[in-house]
Amino acid sequence: MSTPDKSLKAQNLKWLWSVIAADALALCFIAIPDFPAPNELKDFAWLRVLGAGVAPVVVLVLTSLISSDAKAVLVFWRLTEVLPGHRAFSVYAPKDARINLDALRKNVGAFPENTREQNAMWYKLYKKVDSDLPVAQAHRHYLLFRDLAAVSLLLAPISALLLYFSGASLATSGLALTFLVAQYAATAVAARNNGVRFVTNVLALHAVKRRA
């Protein structure tokens, strides 16, 4: 039986591949002035067939090159205790207007102060509501944007170097690098926001009623 994490990642595969494919096309248009116009790409149907076969493997390889902990560092820009669960009760719960802290404390018990204990307690609470739609949705979006951020940063220097050593100008290579770094920054912020929302959605549910 698949875990919720694996199931959500599987759902995100097509979106990850779509963005990677769009990035590849954008870089081709940047680097190759006579690259076929979008309405002419229908003549390259064999590329779509090939892509459909190798896309899942490519995406899995790219997203597996960086560990989950390293991805969290890239998203939250912290070197230790990077997950929002580490600050679930001390930082994020008090900031969320939906969460009645007294009700939450009554339903789940005293809030831990240690960051590792906060994350452990939050995860225990999460497992009780992991199938709830707002929780699952925020979790899925967090994983999607986290993986996009990691892949964008991974591909940024690789794409720039490949273009440069393939004969592209330094300016063109720099433009490709800037494009992917900007994409990394945008998706990292999106992942961070969804990660925090994921944490607070769990706490908001537990603040409403006690769950076995």
C-alpha atoms as a PDB file:
ATOM      1  CA  MET A   1       0.000   0.000   0.000  1.00  0.00           C
ATOM      2  CA  SER A   2       1.392   3.408  -0.947  1.00  0.00           C
ATOM      3  CA  THR A   3       1.943   6.069   1.672  1.00  0.00           C
ATOM      4  CA  PRO A   4       0.241   9.493   1.342  1.00  0.00           C
ATOM      5  CA  ASP A   5       3.653  11.031   0.606  1.00  0.00           C
ATOM      6  CA  LYS A   6       4.339   8.672  -2.310  1.00  0.00           C
ATOM      7  CA  SER A   7       0.807   9.041  -3.639  1.00  0.00           C
ATOM      8  CA  LEU A   8       1.058  12.843  -3.640  1.00  0.00           C
ATOM      9  CA  LYS A   9       4.444  12.744  -5.343  1.00  0.00           C
ATOM     10  CA  ALA A  10       3.026  10.459  -8.031  1.00  0.00           C
ATOM     11  CA  GLN A  11       0.200  12.948  -8.647  1.00  0.00           C
ATOM     12  CA  ASN A  12       2.777  15.726  -9.027  1.00  0.00           C
ATOM     13  CA  LEU A  13       4.884  13.924 -11.646  1.00  0.00           C
ATOM     14  CA  LYS A  14       2.962  15.229 -14.654  1.00  0.00           C
ATOM     15  CA  TRP A  15       3.104  18.798 -13.369  1.00  0.00           C
ATOM     16  CA  LEU A  16       6.835  18.561 -12.727  1.00  0.00           C
ATOM     17  CA  TRP A  17       7.411  17.194 -16.208  1.00  0.00           C
ATOM     18  CA  SER A  18       5.240  19.887 -17.767  1.00  0.00           C
ATOM     19  CA  VAL A  19       7.316  22.635 -16.160  1.00  0.00           C
ATOM     20  CA  ILE A  20      10.616  20.963 -17.074  1.00  0.00           C
ATOM     21  CA  ALA A  21       9.430  20.549 -20.689  1.00  0.00           C
ATOM     22  CA  ALA A  22       8.300  24.181 -20.799  1.00  0.00           C
ATOM     23  CA  ASP A  23      11.688  25.261 -19.423  1.00  0.00           C
ATOM     24  CA  ALA A  24      13.452  23.235 -22.108  1.00  0.00           C
ATOM     25  CA  LEU A  25      11.368  24.888 -24.825  1.00  0.00           C
ATOM     26  CA  ALA A  26      11.979  28.341 -23.365  1.00  0.00           C
ATOM     27  CA  LEU A  27      15.734  27.731 -23.335  1.00  0.00           C
ATOM     28  CA  CYS A  28      15.594  26.517 -26.944  1.00  0.00           C
ATOM     29  CA  PHE A  29      13.821  29.704 -28.018  1.00  0.00           C
ATOM     30  CA  ILE A  30      16.422  31.757 -26.107  1.00  0.00           C
ATOM     31  CA  ALA A  31      19.435  29.956 -27.520  1.00  0.00           C
ATOM     32  CA  ILE A  32      18.311  29.058 -31.055  1.00  0.00           C
ATOM     33  CA  PRO A  33      16.907  31.983 -33.089  1.00  0.00           C
ATOM     34  CA  ASP A  34      15.468  29.725 -35.809  1.00  0.00           C
ATOM     35  CA  PHE A  35      13.940  27.189 -33.440  1.00  0.00           C
ATOM     36  CA  PRO A  36      10.523  26.071 -34.826  1.00  0.00           C
ATOM     37  CA  ALA A  37       7.613  28.300 -33.914  1.00  0.00           C
ATOM     38  CA  PRO A  38       5.003  26.784 -31.551  1.00  0.00           C
ATOM     39  CA  ASN A  39       2.577  26.102 -34.435  1.00  0.00           C
ATOM     40  CA  GLU A  40       5.301  24.140 -36.232  1.00  0.00           C
ATOM     41  CA  LEU A  41       6.078  21.870 -33.282  1.00  0.00           C
ATOM     42  CA  LYS A  42       3.285  19.513 -34.392  1.00  0.00           C
ATOM     43  CA  ASP A  43       5.798  18.173 -36.897  1.00  0.00           C
ATOM     44  CA  PHE A  44       7.808  16.858 -33.950  1.00  0.00           C
ATOM     45  CA  ALA A  45       5.119  14.474 -32.688  1.00  0.00           C
ATOM     46  CA  TRP A  46       7.727  11.768 -32.171  1.00  0.00           C
ATOM     47  CA  LEU A  47       9.237  13.939 -29.440  1.00  0.00           C
ATOM     48  CA  ARG A  48       5.943  13.842 -27.533  1.00  0.00           C
ATOM     49  CA  VAL A  49       5.832  10.064 -27.787  1.00  0.00           C
ATOM     50  CA  LEU A  50       9.426   9.785 -26.595  1.00  0.00           C
ATOM     51  CA  GLY A  51       8.761  12.287 -23.822  1.00  0.00           C
ATOM     52  CA  ALA A  52       5.746  10.363 -22.592  1.00  0.00           C
ATOM     53  CA  GLY A  53       7.923   7.282 -22.173  1.00  0.00           C
ATOM     54  CA  VAL A  54      10.969   8.810 -20.517  1.00  0.00           C
ATOM     55  CA  ALA A  55       9.348  11.730 -18.668  1.00  0.00           C
ATOM     56  CA  PRO A  56       8.540   9.852 -15.441  1.00  0.00           C
ATOM     57  CA  VAL A  57      12.080   8.468 -15.278  1.00  0.00           C
ATOM     58  CA  VAL A  58      13.679  11.863 -15.934  1.00  0.00           C
ATOM     59  CA  VAL A  59      11.550  13.553 -13.287  1.00  0.00           C
ATOM     60  CA  LEU A  60      12.203  10.813 -10.728  1.00  0.00           C
ATOM     61  CA  VAL A  61      15.951  10.998 -11.300  1.00  0.00           C
ATOM     62  CA  LEU A  62      16.056  14.792 -11.056  1.00  0.00           C
ATOM     63  CA  THR A  63      13.929  14.937  -7.905  1.00  0.00           C
ATOM     64  CA  SER A  64      15.925  12.106  -6.304  1.00  0.00           C
ATOM     65  CA  LEU A  65      19.330  13.732  -6.795  1.00  0.00           C
ATOM     66  CA  ILE A  66      18.679  16.025  -3.829  1.00  0.00           C
ATOM     67  CA  SER A  67      17.599  14.623  -0.461  1.00  0.00           C
ATOM     68  CA  SER A  68      14.415  15.743   1.289  1.00  0.00           C
ATOM     69  CA  ASP A  69      16.481  17.477   3.983  1.00  0.00           C
ATOM     70  CA  ALA A  70      18.506  19.372   1.379  1.00  0.00           C
ATOM     71  CA  LYS A  71      15.303  20.396  -0.429  1.00  0.00           C
ATOM     72  CA  ALA A  72      13.950  21.771   2.847  1.00  0.00           C
ATOM     73  CA  VAL A  73      17.142  23.818   3.264  1.00  0.00           C
ATOM     74  CA  LEU A  74      16.680  25.243  -0.236  1.00  0.00           C
ATOM     75  CA  VAL A  75      13.058  26.149   0.500  1.00  0.00           C
ATOM     76  CA  PHE A  76      13.251  27.537   4.031  1.00  0.00           C
ATOM     77  CA  TRP A  77      16.791  28.983   3.763  1.00  0.00           C
ATOM     78  CA  ARG A  78      17.817  27.549   7.125  1.00  0.00           C
ATOM     79  CA  LEU A  79      20.648  25.114   7.846  1.00  0.00           C
ATOM     80  CA  THR A  80      19.140  23.459  10.935  1.00  0.00           C
ATOM     81  CA  GLU A  81      15.621  22.682  12.115  1.00  0.00           C
ATOM     82  CA  VAL A  82      14.416  23.678   8.700  1.00  0.00           C
ATOM     83  CA  LEU A  83      10.878  22.300   8.662  1.00  0.00           C
ATOM     84  CA  PRO A  84       7.943  24.507   9.675  1.00  0.00           C
ATOM     85  CA  GLY A  85       6.884  21.733  12.052  1.00  0.00           C
ATOM     86  CA  HIS A  86       9.905  22.682  14.163  1.00  0.00           C
ATOM     87  CA  ARG A  87       8.134  25.975  14.943  1.00  0.00           C
ATOM     88  CA  ALA A  88       4.546  24.723  14.715  1.00  0.00           C
ATOM     89  CA  PHE A  89       3.478  25.714  18.233  1.00  0.00           C
ATOM     90  CA  SER A  90       5.890  28.520  19.068  1.00  0.00           C
ATOM     91  CA  VAL A  91       5.648  30.569  15.844  1.00  0.00           C
ATOM     92  CA  TYR A  92       2.977  29.503  13.369  1.00  0.00           C
ATOM     93  CA  ALA A  93       0.034  28.543  15.579  1.00  0.00           C
ATOM     94  CA  PRO A  94      -0.006  31.931  17.382  1.00  0.00           C
ATOM     95  CA  LYS A  95       0.095  33.751  14.022  1.00  0.00           C
ATOM     96  CA  ASP A  96      -2.873  31.892  12.505  1.00  0.00           C
ATOM     97  CA  ALA A  97      -6.178  33.620  13.241  1.00  0.00           C
ATOM     98  CA  ARG A  98      -8.084  30.368  12.730  1.00  0.00           C
ATOM     99  CA  ILE A  99      -6.374  28.655  15.660  1.00  0.00           C
ATOM    100  CA  ASN A 100      -7.720  29.108  19.172  1.00  0.00           C
ATOM    101  CA  LEU A 101      -4.630  28.312  21.239  1.00  0.00           C
ATOM    102  CA  ASP A 102      -6.572  27.486  24.407  1.00  0.00           C
ATOM    103  CA  ALA A 103      -8.813  25.064  22.503  1.00  0.00           C
ATOM    104  CA  LEU A 104      -5.819  23.509  20.758  1.00  0.00           C
ATOM    105  CA  ARG A 105      -3.986  23.064  24.062  1.00  0.00           C
ATOM    106  CA  LYS A 106      -7.080  21.503  25.610  1.00  0.00           C
ATOM    107  CA  ASN A 107      -7.396  19.012  22.736  1.00  0.00           C
ATOM    108  CA  VAL A 108      -3.741  18.022  22.252  1.00  0.00           C
ATOM    109  CA  GLY A 109      -2.079  18.785  25.574  1.00  0.00           C
ATOM    110  CA  ALA A 110       0.739  21.105  26.578  1.00  0.00           C
ATOM    111  CA  PHE A 111       2.768  22.574  23.724  1.00  0.00           C
ATOM    112  CA  PRO A 112       6.407  21.454  23.618  1.00  0.00           C
ATOM    113  CA  GLU A 113       9.073  24.167  23.539  1.00  0.00           C
ATOM    114  CA  ASN A 114      11.951  22.160  22.073  1.00  0.00           C
ATOM    115  CA  THR A 115      11.916  22.461  18.273  1.00  0.00           C
ATOM    116  CA  ARG A 116      12.451  18.747  17.619  1.00  0.00           C
ATOM    117  CA  GLU A 117       9.668  17.882  20.033  1.00  0.00           C
ATOM    118  CA  GLN A 118       7.397  20.405  18.328  1.00  0.00           C
ATOM    119  CA  ASN A 119       7.978  18.728  14.988  1.00  0.00           C
ATOM    120  CA  ALA A 120       7.457  15.248  16.448  1.00  0.00           C
ATOM    121  CA  MET A 121       4.210  16.253  18.126  1.00  0.00           C
ATOM    122  CA  TRP A 122       2.984  18.046  15.022  1.00  0.00           C
ATOM    123  CA  TYR A 123       3.730  14.974  12.870  1.00  0.00           C
ATOM    124  CA  LYS A 124       1.770  12.777  15.269  1.00  0.00           C
ATOM    125  CA  LEU A 125      -1.191  15.149  14.934  1.00  0.00           C
ATOM    126  CA  TYR A 126      -0.793  15.216  11.156  1.00  0.00           C
ATOM    127  CA  LYS A 127      -1.096  11.430  10.856  1.00  0.00           C
ATOM    128  CA  LYS A 128      -4.569  11.682  12.419  1.00  0.00           C
ATOM    129  CA  VAL A 129      -5.853  14.063   9.722  1.00  0.00           C
ATOM    130  CA  ASP A 130      -3.630  13.280   6.727  1.00  0.00           C
ATOM    131  CA  SER A 131      -6.618  12.459   4.499  1.00  0.00           C
ATOM    132  CA  ASP A 132      -8.463  15.708   5.259  1.00  0.00           C
ATOM    133  CA  LEU A 133      -8.768  17.701   2.013  1.00  0.00           C
ATOM    134  CA  PRO A 134      -7.202  21.027   3.127  1.00  0.00           C
ATOM    135  CA  VAL A 135      -4.299  19.135   4.709  1.00  0.00           C
ATOM    136  CA  ALA A 136      -3.710  16.854   1.718  1.00  0.00           C
ATOM    137  CA  GLN A 137      -4.000  19.769  -0.714  1.00  0.00           C
ATOM    138  CA  ALA A 138      -1.488  21.940   1.137  1.00  0.00           C
ATOM    139  CA  HIS A 139       0.828  18.936   1.477  1.00  0.00           C
ATOM    140  CA  ARG A 140       0.637  18.209  -2.240  1.00  0.00           C
ATOM    141  CA  HIS A 141       1.332  21.821  -3.192  1.00  0.00           C
ATOM    142  CA  TYR A 142       4.250  21.960  -0.765  1.00  0.00           C
ATOM    143  CA  LEU A 143       5.831  18.838  -2.284  1.00  0.00           C
ATOM    144  CA  LEU A 144       5.228  20.113  -5.825  1.00  0.00           C
ATOM    145  CA  PHE A 145       6.789  23.538  -5.330  1.00  0.00           C
ATOM    146  CA  ARG A 146       9.590  22.107  -3.168  1.00  0.00           C
ATOM    147  CA  ASP A 147      10.595  19.688  -5.931  1.00  0.00           C
ATOM    148  CA  LEU A 148      10.275  22.399  -8.579  1.00  0.00           C
ATOM    149  CA  ALA A 149      12.530  24.677  -6.549  1.00  0.00           C
ATOM    150  CA  ALA A 150      15.154  21.963  -6.154  1.00  0.00           C
ATOM    151  CA  VAL A 151      15.066  20.963  -9.837  1.00  0.00           C
ATOM    152  CA  SER A 152      15.203  24.606 -10.970  1.00  0.00           C
ATOM    153  CA  LEU A 153      18.314  25.286  -8.909  1.00  0.00           C
ATOM    154  CA  LEU A 154      19.883  22.028 -10.052  1.00  0.00           C
ATOM    155  CA  LEU A 155      19.265  22.766 -13.738  1.00  0.00           C
ATOM    156  CA  ALA A 156      20.303  26.444 -13.597  1.00  0.00           C
ATOM    157  CA  PRO A 157      24.108  26.000 -13.760  1.00  0.00           C
ATOM    158  CA  ILE A 158      23.856  22.802 -15.827  1.00  0.00           C
ATOM    159  CA  SER A 159      21.737  24.473 -18.519  1.00  0.00           C
ATOM    160  CA  ALA A 160      23.913  27.594 -18.606  1.00  0.00           C
ATOM    161  CA  LEU A 161      27.121  25.543 -18.993  1.00  0.00           C
ATOM    162  CA  LEU A 162      25.599  23.265 -21.630  1.00  0.00           C
ATOM    163  CA  LEU A 163      24.476  26.266 -23.660  1.00  0.00           C
ATOM    164  CA  TYR A 164      27.831  28.003 -23.320  1.00  0.00           C
ATOM    165  CA  PHE A 165      29.883  24.962 -24.349  1.00  0.00           C
ATOM    166  CA  SER A 166      27.442  24.315 -27.191  1.00  0.00           C
ATOM    167  CA  GLY A 167      28.348  27.656 -28.721  1.00  0.00           C
ATOM    168  CA  ALA A 168      25.833  30.024 -27.141  1.00  0.00           C
ATOM    169  CA  SER A 169      27.067  33.463 -26.159  1.00  0.00           C
ATOM    170  CA  LEU A 170      27.910  34.336 -22.576  1.00  0.00           C
ATOM    171  CA  ALA A 171      24.890  36.664 -22.516  1.00  0.00           C
ATOM    172  CA  THR A 172      22.566  33.891 -23.675  1.00  0.00           C
ATOM    173  CA  SER A 173      23.960  31.472 -21.090  1.00  0.00           C
ATOM    174  CA  GLY A 174      23.587  34.149 -18.437  1.00  0.00           C
ATOM    175  CA  LEU A 175      19.973  34.734 -19.455  1.00  0.00           C
ATOM    176  CA  ALA A 176      19.225  31.020 -19.108  1.00  0.00           C
ATOM    177  CA  LEU A 177      20.889  30.983 -15.684  1.00  0.00           C
ATOM    178  CA  THR A 178      18.914  34.040 -14.555  1.00  0.00           C
ATOM    179  CA  PHE A 179      15.643  32.555 -15.809  1.00  0.00           C
ATOM    180  CA  LEU A 180      16.070  29.314 -13.857  1.00  0.00           C
ATOM    181  CA  VAL A 181      17.362  31.015 -10.709  1.00  0.00           C
ATOM    182  CA  ALA A 182      14.321  33.314 -10.772  1.00  0.00           C
ATOM    183  CA  GLN A 183      12.112  30.258 -11.173  1.00  0.00           C
ATOM    184  CA  TYR A 184      13.867  28.670  -8.192  1.00  0.00           C
ATOM    185  CA  ALA A 185      13.259  31.749  -6.025  1.00  0.00           C
ATOM    186  CA  ALA A 186       9.571  31.919  -6.964  1.00  0.00           C
ATOM    187  CA  THR A 187       8.903  28.228  -6.390  1.00  0.00           C
ATOM    188  CA  ALA A 188      10.895  28.233  -3.122  1.00  0.00           C
ATOM    189  CA  VAL A 189       8.697  31.013  -1.730  1.00  0.00           C
ATOM    190  CA  ALA A 190       5.576  29.179  -2.947  1.00  0.00           C
ATOM    191  CA  ALA A 191       6.796  25.958  -1.294  1.00  0.00           C
ATOM    192  CA  ARG A 192       7.544  27.786   1.949  1.00  0.00           C
ATOM    193  CA  ASN A 193       4.086  29.369   2.060  1.00  0.00           C
ATOM    194  CA  ASN A 194       2.395  26.044   1.354  1.00  0.00           C
ATOM    195  CA  GLY A 195       4.585  24.287   3.913  1.00  0.00           C
ATOM    196  CA  VAL A 196       3.504  26.699   6.627  1.00  0.00           C
ATOM    197  CA  ARG A 197      -0.118  26.376   5.496  1.00  0.00           C
ATOM    198  CA  PHE A 198       0.242  22.587   5.649  1.00  0.00           C
ATOM    199  CA  VAL A 199       1.373  22.828   9.290  1.00  0.00           C
ATOM    200  CA  THR A 200      -1.312  25.286  10.373  1.00  0.00           C
ATOM    201  CA  ASN A 201      -4.100  23.401   8.586  1.00  0.00           C
ATOM    202  CA  VAL A 202      -3.324  20.394  10.765  1.00  0.00           C
ATOM    203  CA  LEU A 203      -3.349  22.472  13.941  1.00  0.00           C
ATOM    204  CA  ALA A 204      -6.537  24.293  12.936  1.00  0.00           C
ATOM    205  CA  LEU A 205      -8.382  20.971  12.638  1.00  0.00           C
ATOM    206  CA  HIS A 206      -7.181  19.833  16.049  1.00  0.00           C
ATOM    207  CA  ALA A 207      -8.201  23.158  17.577  1.00  0.00           C
ATOM    208  CA  VAL A 208     -11.802  22.542  16.486  1.00  0.00           C
ATOM    209  CA  LYS A 209     -12.193  19.142  18.142  1.00  0.00           C
ATOM    210  CA  ARG A 210     -10.242  16.400  19.883  1.00  0.00           C
ATOM    211  CA  ARG A 211      -9.269  13.568  17.553  1.00  0.00           C
ATOM    212  CA  ALA A 212      -8.496  10.026  18.672  1.00  0.00           C
END
